[in-house]
Amino acid sequence: MYGIKVIPITTDGISLPEFPNSFTNQGQAQKFHVTVEPSLFAVNPYTNKAFPITYGLISLTDLKKRILDIATHFDGDVRE
């Protein structure tokens, strides 16, 4: 809908119907300290730095707000 590329990663090897070509976790969950699923991160394609957007389920409205907030106001780095 917005042209944002999604790279789905499964921790249990089972892909969701919405993401049939998911990648298998190869340490990403540990690197990003994922303990709740689903978890969503934004990655700066120029620096490869990742920023958590949400852990767990949230509404589409809240998801849009979080993404906009990160894209327009975030001035720090959360994960290396």
PDB file of N, CA and C in Angstrom:
ATOM      1  N   MET A   1       0.818  -1.197   0.000  1.00  0.00           N
ATOM      2  CA  MET A   1       0.000   0.000   0.000  1.00  0.00           C
ATOM      3  C   MET A   1       0.866   1.268   0.000  1.00  0.00           C
ATOM      4  N   TYR A   2       1.986   1.262   0.772  1.00  0.00           N
ATOM      5  CA  TYR A   2       2.818   2.449   0.900  1.00  0.00           C
ATOM      6  C   TYR A   2       4.193   2.284   0.267  1.00  0.00           C
ATOM      7  N   GLY A   3       4.434   1.140  -0.357  1.00  0.00           N
ATOM      8  CA  GLY A   3       5.716   0.916  -0.998  1.00  0.00           C
ATOM      9  C   GLY A   3       6.847   0.619  -0.034  1.00  0.00           C
ATOM     10  N   ILE A   4       6.505   0.203   1.167  1.00  0.00           N
ATOM     11  CA  ILE A   4       7.527  -0.152   2.150  1.00  0.00           C
ATOM     12  C   ILE A   4       7.863  -1.618   1.979  1.00  0.00           C
ATOM     13  N   LYS A   5       9.130  -1.916   1.812  1.00  0.00           N
ATOM     14  CA  LYS A   5       9.555  -3.301   1.638  1.00  0.00           C
ATOM     15  C   LYS A   5       9.513  -4.020   2.980  1.00  0.00           C
ATOM     16  N   VAL A   6       8.900  -5.193   2.997  1.00  0.00           N
ATOM     17  CA  VAL A   6       8.814  -6.013   4.198  1.00  0.00           C
ATOM     18  C   VAL A   6       9.659  -7.257   3.976  1.00  0.00           C
ATOM     19  N   ILE A   7      10.546  -7.531   4.942  1.00  0.00           N
ATOM     20  CA  ILE A   7      11.346  -8.753   4.896  1.00  0.00           C
ATOM     21  C   ILE A   7      10.887  -9.611   6.073  1.00  0.00           C
ATOM     22  N   PRO A   8       9.975 -10.551   5.814  1.00  0.00           N
ATOM     23  CA  PRO A   8       9.436 -11.373   6.901  1.00  0.00           C
ATOM     24  C   PRO A   8      10.426 -12.463   7.323  1.00  0.00           C
ATOM     25  N   ILE A   9      10.549 -12.624   8.634  1.00  0.00           N
ATOM     26  CA  ILE A   9      11.426 -13.654   9.188  1.00  0.00           C
ATOM     27  C   ILE A   9      10.610 -14.481  10.163  1.00  0.00           C
ATOM     28  N   THR A  10      10.616 -15.795   9.964  1.00  0.00           N
ATOM     29  CA  THR A  10       9.877 -16.700  10.839  1.00  0.00           C
ATOM     30  C   THR A  10      10.827 -17.323  11.862  1.00  0.00           C
ATOM     31  N   THR A  11      10.374 -17.376  13.110  1.00  0.00           N
ATOM     32  CA  THR A  11      11.195 -17.999  14.148  1.00  0.00           C
ATOM     33  C   THR A  11      10.852 -19.469  14.345  1.00  0.00           C
ATOM     34  N   ASP A  12       9.698 -19.887  13.813  1.00  0.00           N
ATOM     35  CA  ASP A  12       9.294 -21.281  13.985  1.00  0.00           C
ATOM     36  C   ASP A  12       9.287 -22.065  12.673  1.00  0.00           C
ATOM     37  N   GLY A  13       9.717 -21.430  11.581  1.00  0.00           N
ATOM     38  CA  GLY A  13       9.779 -22.113  10.293  1.00  0.00           C
ATOM     39  C   GLY A  13       8.456 -22.166   9.549  1.00  0.00           C
ATOM     40  N   ILE A  14       7.413 -21.572  10.107  1.00  0.00           N
ATOM     41  CA  ILE A  14       6.102 -21.574   9.472  1.00  0.00           C
ATOM     42  C   ILE A  14       5.807 -20.171   8.959  1.00  0.00           C
ATOM     43  N   SER A  15       5.606 -20.049   7.654  1.00  0.00           N
ATOM     44  CA  SER A  15       5.299 -18.751   7.059  1.00  0.00           C
ATOM     45  C   SER A  15       3.812 -18.460   7.151  1.00  0.00           C
ATOM     46  N   LEU A  16       3.489 -17.194   7.363  1.00  0.00           N
ATOM     47  CA  LEU A  16       2.094 -16.765   7.336  1.00  0.00           C
ATOM     48  C   LEU A  16       1.622 -16.697   5.890  1.00  0.00           C
ATOM     49  N   PRO A  17       0.327 -16.898   5.648  1.00  0.00           N
ATOM     50  CA  PRO A  17      -0.181 -16.824   4.278  1.00  0.00           C
ATOM     51  C   PRO A  17       0.126 -15.487   3.600  1.00  0.00           C
ATOM     52  N   GLU A  18       0.159 -14.406   4.387  1.00  0.00           N
ATOM     53  CA  GLU A  18       0.460 -13.083   3.837  1.00  0.00           C
ATOM     54  C   GLU A  18       1.917 -12.947   3.409  1.00  0.00           C
ATOM     55  N   PHE A  19       2.775 -13.803   3.955  1.00  0.00           N
ATOM     56  CA  PHE A  19       4.213 -13.763   3.668  1.00  0.00           C
ATOM     57  C   PHE A  19       4.721 -15.164   3.337  1.00  0.00           C
ATOM     58  N   PRO A  20       4.294 -15.709   2.203  1.00  0.00           N
ATOM     59  CA  PRO A  20       4.654 -17.097   1.883  1.00  0.00           C
ATOM     60  C   PRO A  20       6.144 -17.325   1.644  1.00  0.00           C
ATOM     61  N   ASN A  21       6.889 -16.283   1.348  1.00  0.00           N
ATOM     62  CA  ASN A  21       8.320 -16.429   1.077  1.00  0.00           C
ATOM     63  C   ASN A  21       9.172 -15.907   2.223  1.00  0.00           C
ATOM     64  N   SER A  22       8.749 -16.189   3.442  1.00  0.00           N
ATOM     65  CA  SER A  22       9.480 -15.735   4.624  1.00  0.00           C
ATOM     66  C   SER A  22      10.845 -16.393   4.712  1.00  0.00           C
ATOM     67  N   PHE A  23      11.773 -15.659   5.321  1.00  0.00           N
ATOM     68  CA  PHE A  23      13.100 -16.187   5.594  1.00  0.00           C
ATOM     69  C   PHE A  23      13.079 -16.868   6.954  1.00  0.00           C
ATOM     70  N   THR A  24      13.914 -17.847   7.136  1.00  0.00           N
ATOM     71  CA  THR A  24      14.048 -18.512   8.430  1.00  0.00           C
ATOM     72  C   THR A  24      15.013 -17.708   9.301  1.00  0.00           C
ATOM     73  N   ASN A  25      14.678 -17.573  10.569  1.00  0.00           N
ATOM     74  CA  ASN A  25      15.516 -16.855  11.516  1.00  0.00           C
ATOM     75  C   ASN A  25      16.935 -17.415  11.492  1.00  0.00           C
ATOM     76  N   GLN A  26      17.895 -16.538  11.312  1.00  0.00           N
ATOM     77  CA  GLN A  26      19.312 -16.927  11.337  1.00  0.00           C
ATOM     78  C   GLN A  26      20.065 -16.044  12.325  1.00  0.00           C
ATOM     79  N   GLY A  27      19.463 -15.834  13.482  1.00  0.00           N
ATOM     80  CA  GLY A  27      20.082 -15.029  14.522  1.00  0.00           C
ATOM     81  C   GLY A  27      19.492 -13.641  14.669  1.00  0.00           C
ATOM     82  N   GLN A  28      18.596 -13.250  13.771  1.00  0.00           N
ATOM     83  CA  GLN A  28      18.004 -11.921  13.859  1.00  0.00           C
ATOM     84  C   GLN A  28      17.199 -11.747  15.150  1.00  0.00           C
ATOM     85  N   ALA A  29      16.443 -12.755  15.532  1.00  0.00           N
ATOM     86  CA  ALA A  29      15.623 -12.652  16.746  1.00  0.00           C
ATOM     87  C   ALA A  29      16.493 -12.412  17.973  1.00  0.00           C
ATOM     88  N   GLN A  30      17.615 -13.073  18.035  1.00  0.00           N
ATOM     89  CA  GLN A  30      18.528 -12.884  19.161  1.00  0.00           C
ATOM     90  C   GLN A  30      19.179 -11.504  19.096  1.00  0.00           C
ATOM     91  N   LYS A  31      19.600 -11.101  17.913  1.00  0.00           N
ATOM     92  CA  LYS A  31      20.262  -9.807  17.749  1.00  0.00           C
ATOM     93  C   LYS A  31      19.347  -8.664  18.161  1.00  0.00           C
ATOM     94  N   PHE A  32      18.055  -8.775  17.826  1.00  0.00           N
ATOM     95  CA  PHE A  32      17.109  -7.716  18.135  1.00  0.00           C
ATOM     96  C   PHE A  32      16.345  -7.968  19.431  1.00  0.00           C
ATOM     97  N   HIS A  33      16.747  -8.984  20.173  1.00  0.00           N
ATOM     98  CA  HIS A  33      16.142  -9.293  21.478  1.00  0.00           C
ATOM     99  C   HIS A  33      14.635  -9.506  21.379  1.00  0.00           C
ATOM    100  N   VAL A  34      14.202 -10.247  20.367  1.00  0.00           N
ATOM    101  CA  VAL A  34      12.787 -10.517  20.160  1.00  0.00           C
ATOM    102  C   VAL A  34      12.330 -11.588  21.151  1.00  0.00           C
ATOM    103  N   THR A  35      11.401 -11.202  22.011  1.00  0.00           N
ATOM    104  CA  THR A  35      10.808 -12.151  22.956  1.00  0.00           C
ATOM    105  C   THR A  35       9.297 -12.204  22.792  1.00  0.00           C
ATOM    106  N   VAL A  36       8.742 -11.286  21.999  1.00  0.00           N
ATOM    107  CA  VAL A  36       7.307 -11.209  21.743  1.00  0.00           C
ATOM    108  C   VAL A  36       7.113 -11.218  20.230  1.00  0.00           C
ATOM    109  N   GLU A  37       6.122 -11.959  19.801  1.00  0.00           N
ATOM    110  CA  GLU A  37       5.816 -12.000  18.379  1.00  0.00           C
ATOM    111  C   GLU A  37       4.372 -11.613  18.165  1.00  0.00           C
ATOM    112  N   PRO A  38       4.072 -10.889  17.100  1.00  0.00           N
ATOM    113  CA  PRO A  38       5.006 -10.400  16.100  1.00  0.00           C
ATOM    114  C   PRO A  38       5.791  -9.196  16.618  1.00  0.00           C
ATOM    115  N   SER A  39       6.975  -9.013  16.069  1.00  0.00           N
ATOM    116  CA  SER A  39       7.793  -7.837  16.326  1.00  0.00           C
ATOM    117  C   SER A  39       8.098  -7.206  14.983  1.00  0.00           C
ATOM    118  N   LEU A  40       8.147  -5.880  14.965  1.00  0.00           N
ATOM    119  CA  LEU A  40       8.370  -5.174  13.714  1.00  0.00           C
ATOM    120  C   LEU A  40       9.465  -4.136  13.919  1.00  0.00           C
ATOM    121  N   PHE A  41      10.413  -4.125  12.989  1.00  0.00           N
ATOM    122  CA  PHE A  41      11.524  -3.188  13.040  1.00  0.00           C
ATOM    123  C   PHE A  41      11.623  -2.429  11.733  1.00  0.00           C
ATOM    124  N   ALA A  42      12.069  -1.192  11.819  1.00  0.00           N
ATOM    125  CA  ALA A  42      12.410  -0.415  10.630  1.00  0.00           C
ATOM    126  C   ALA A  42      13.924  -0.450  10.518  1.00  0.00           C
ATOM    127  N   VAL A  43      14.406  -0.615   9.302  1.00  0.00           N
ATOM    128  CA  VAL A  43      15.853  -0.644   9.078  1.00  0.00           C
ATOM    129  C   VAL A  43      16.211   0.465   8.104  1.00  0.00           C
ATOM    130  N   ASN A  44      17.160   1.294   8.494  1.00  0.00           N
ATOM    131  CA  ASN A  44      17.652   2.335   7.610  1.00  0.00           C
ATOM    132  C   ASN A  44      18.490   1.656   6.533  1.00  0.00           C
ATOM    133  N   PRO A  45      18.080   1.728   5.264  1.00  0.00           N
ATOM    134  CA  PRO A  45      18.808   1.010   4.209  1.00  0.00           C
ATOM    135  C   PRO A  45      20.191   1.586   3.924  1.00  0.00           C
ATOM    136  N   TYR A  46      20.463   2.789   4.398  1.00  0.00           N
ATOM    137  CA  TYR A  46      21.763   3.410   4.149  1.00  0.00           C
ATOM    138  C   TYR A  46      22.778   3.074   5.237  1.00  0.00           C
ATOM    139  N   THR A  47      22.294   2.902   6.475  1.00  0.00           N
ATOM    140  CA  THR A  47      23.197   2.603   7.591  1.00  0.00           C
ATOM    141  C   THR A  47      23.042   1.184   8.120  1.00  0.00           C
ATOM    142  N   ASN A  48      21.956   0.503   7.716  1.00  0.00           N
ATOM    143  CA  ASN A  48      21.603  -0.829   8.218  1.00  0.00           C
ATOM    144  C   ASN A  48      21.312  -0.842   9.714  1.00  0.00           C
ATOM    145  N   LYS A  49      21.003   0.308  10.294  1.00  0.00           N
ATOM    146  CA  LYS A  49      20.630   0.359  11.705  1.00  0.00           C
ATOM    147  C   LYS A  49      19.144   0.084  11.824  1.00  0.00           C
ATOM    148  N   ALA A  50      18.783  -0.687  12.849  1.00  0.00           N
ATOM    149  CA  ALA A  50      17.397  -1.104  13.043  1.00  0.00           C
ATOM    150  C   ALA A  50      16.784  -0.385  14.233  1.00  0.00           C
ATOM    151  N   PHE A  51      15.496  -0.064  14.100  1.00  0.00           N
ATOM    152  CA  PHE A  51      14.751   0.621  15.144  1.00  0.00           C
ATOM    153  C   PHE A  51      13.464  -0.154  15.396  1.00  0.00           C
ATOM    154  N   PRO A  52      13.182  -0.532  16.637  1.00  0.00           N
ATOM    155  CA  PRO A  52      11.934  -1.256  16.893  1.00  0.00           C
ATOM    156  C   PRO A  52      10.725  -0.358  16.677  1.00  0.00           C
ATOM    157  N   ILE A  53       9.732  -0.899  16.005  1.00  0.00           N
ATOM    158  CA  ILE A  53       8.474  -0.180  15.807  1.00  0.00           C
ATOM    159  C   ILE A  53       7.456  -0.681  16.817  1.00  0.00           C
ATOM    160  N   THR A  54       7.343  -2.002  16.927  1.00  0.00           N
ATOM    161  CA  THR A  54       6.400  -2.557  17.897  1.00  0.00           C
ATOM    162  C   THR A  54       6.760  -3.995  18.236  1.00  0.00           C
ATOM    163  N   TYR A  55       6.389  -4.379  19.426  1.00  0.00           N
ATOM    164  CA  TYR A  55       6.451  -5.766  19.883  1.00  0.00           C
ATOM    165  C   TYR A  55       5.019  -6.154  20.215  1.00  0.00           C
ATOM    166  N   GLY A  56       4.492  -7.169  19.557  1.00  0.00           N
ATOM    167  CA  GLY A  56       3.116  -7.579  19.804  1.00  0.00           C
ATOM    168  C   GLY A  56       2.156  -6.925  18.831  1.00  0.00           C
ATOM    169  N   LEU A  57       0.899  -7.271  18.974  1.00  0.00           N
ATOM    170  CA  LEU A  57      -0.133  -6.768  18.072  1.00  0.00           C
ATOM    171  C   LEU A  57      -0.537  -5.352  18.436  1.00  0.00           C
ATOM    172  N   ILE A  58      -0.732  -4.514  17.396  1.00  0.00           N
ATOM    173  CA  ILE A  58      -1.271  -3.178  17.585  1.00  0.00           C
ATOM    174  C   ILE A  58      -2.219  -2.895  16.418  1.00  0.00           C
ATOM    175  N   SER A  59      -3.019  -1.865  16.552  1.00  0.00           N
ATOM    176  CA  SER A  59      -3.958  -1.515  15.490  1.00  0.00           C
ATOM    177  C   SER A  59      -3.201  -0.892  14.314  1.00  0.00           C
ATOM    178  N   LEU A  60      -3.824  -0.902  13.154  1.00  0.00           N
ATOM    179  CA  LEU A  60      -3.227  -0.291  11.975  1.00  0.00           C
ATOM    180  C   LEU A  60      -3.004   1.198  12.201  1.00  0.00           C
ATOM    181  N   THR A  61      -3.931   1.846  12.856  1.00  0.00           N
ATOM    182  CA  THR A  61      -3.793   3.274  13.154  1.00  0.00           C
ATOM    183  C   THR A  61      -2.561   3.528  14.008  1.00  0.00           C
ATOM    184  N   ASP A  62      -2.383   2.739  15.070  1.00  0.00           N
ATOM    185  CA  ASP A  62      -1.216   2.900  15.935  1.00  0.00           C
ATOM    186  C   ASP A  62       0.078   2.561  15.199  1.00  0.00           C
ATOM    187  N   LEU A  63       0.034   1.567  14.339  1.00  0.00           N
ATOM    188  CA  LEU A  63       1.209   1.194  13.554  1.00  0.00           C
ATOM    189  C   LEU A  63       1.635   2.354  12.659  1.00  0.00           C
ATOM    190  N   LYS A  64       0.677   2.972  11.991  1.00  0.00           N
ATOM    191  CA  LYS A  64       0.987   4.120  11.131  1.00  0.00           C
ATOM    192  C   LYS A  64       1.591   5.265  11.943  1.00  0.00           C
ATOM    193  N   LYS A  65       1.045   5.522  13.121  1.00  0.00           N
ATOM    194  CA  LYS A  65       1.577   6.577  13.985  1.00  0.00           C
ATOM    195  C   LYS A  65       3.016   6.285  14.391  1.00  0.00           C
ATOM    196  N   ARG A  66       3.296   5.033  14.765  1.00  0.00           N
ATOM    197  CA  ARG A  66       4.660   4.663  15.190  1.00  0.00           C
ATOM    198  C   ARG A  66       5.652   4.822  14.052  1.00  0.00           C
ATOM    199  N   ILE A  67       5.269   4.378  12.852  1.00  0.00           N
ATOM    200  CA  ILE A  67       6.161   4.497  11.699  1.00  0.00           C
ATOM    201  C   ILE A  67       6.411   5.965  11.376  1.00  0.00           C
ATOM    202  N   LEU A  68       5.363   6.773  11.378  1.00  0.00           N
ATOM    203  CA  LEU A  68       5.517   8.194  11.096  1.00  0.00           C
ATOM    204  C   LEU A  68       6.399   8.865  12.145  1.00  0.00           C
ATOM    205  N   ASP A  69       6.208   8.500  13.400  1.00  0.00           N
ATOM    206  CA  ASP A  69       7.019   9.070  14.475  1.00  0.00           C
ATOM    207  C   ASP A  69       8.494   8.732  14.281  1.00  0.00           C
ATOM    208  N   ILE A  70       8.781   7.491  13.979  1.00  0.00           N
ATOM    209  CA  ILE A  70      10.164   7.082  13.772  1.00  0.00           C
ATOM    210  C   ILE A  70      10.758   7.775  12.546  1.00  0.00           C
ATOM    211  N   ALA A  71       9.971   7.860  11.491  1.00  0.00           N
ATOM    212  CA  ALA A  71      10.473   8.450  10.242  1.00  0.00           C
ATOM    213  C   ALA A  71      10.700   9.956  10.345  1.00  0.00           C
ATOM    214  N   THR A  72       9.961  10.627  11.211  1.00  0.00           N
ATOM    215  CA  THR A  72      10.047  12.086  11.242  1.00  0.00           C
ATOM    216  C   THR A  72      10.689  12.683  12.490  1.00  0.00           C
ATOM    217  N   HIS A  73      10.750  11.934  13.577  1.00  0.00           N
ATOM    218  CA  HIS A  73      11.240  12.527  14.816  1.00  0.00           C
ATOM    219  C   HIS A  73      12.384  11.785  15.483  1.00  0.00           C
ATOM    220  N   PHE A  74      12.690  10.628  15.041  1.00  0.00           N
ATOM    221  CA  PHE A  74      13.688   9.828  15.744  1.00  0.00           C
ATOM    222  C   PHE A  74      15.075  10.345  15.414  1.00  0.00           C
ATOM    223  N   ASP A  75      15.851  10.689  16.451  1.00  0.00           N
ATOM    224  CA  ASP A  75      17.181  11.230  16.206  1.00  0.00           C
ATOM    225  C   ASP A  75      18.284  10.429  16.888  1.00  0.00           C
ATOM    226  N   GLY A  76      17.963   9.220  17.331  1.00  0.00           N
ATOM    227  CA  GLY A  76      18.966   8.394  17.989  1.00  0.00           C
ATOM    228  C   GLY A  76      19.021   7.021  17.381  1.00  0.00           C
ATOM    229  N   ASP A  77      19.858   6.192  17.943  1.00  0.00           N
ATOM    230  CA  ASP A  77      20.016   4.827  17.474  1.00  0.00           C
ATOM    231  C   ASP A  77      19.629   3.890  18.604  1.00  0.00           C
ATOM    232  N   VAL A  78      18.796   2.918  18.306  1.00  0.00           N
ATOM    233  CA  VAL A  78      18.316   1.998  19.328  1.00  0.00           C
ATOM    234  C   VAL A  78      19.117   0.702  19.328  1.00  0.00           C
ATOM    235  N   ARG A  79      19.442   0.175  18.177  1.00  0.00           N
ATOM    236  CA  ARG A  79      20.135  -1.110  18.067  1.00  0.00           C
ATOM    237  C   ARG A  79      21.349  -0.963  17.171  1.00  0.00           C
ATOM    238  N   GLU A  80      22.377  -1.655  17.510  1.00  0.00           N
ATOM    239  CA  GLU A  80      23.581  -1.712  16.665  1.00  0.00           C
ATOM    240  C   GLU A  80      23.539  -2.948  15.821  1.00  0.00           C
TER     241      GLU A  80
END
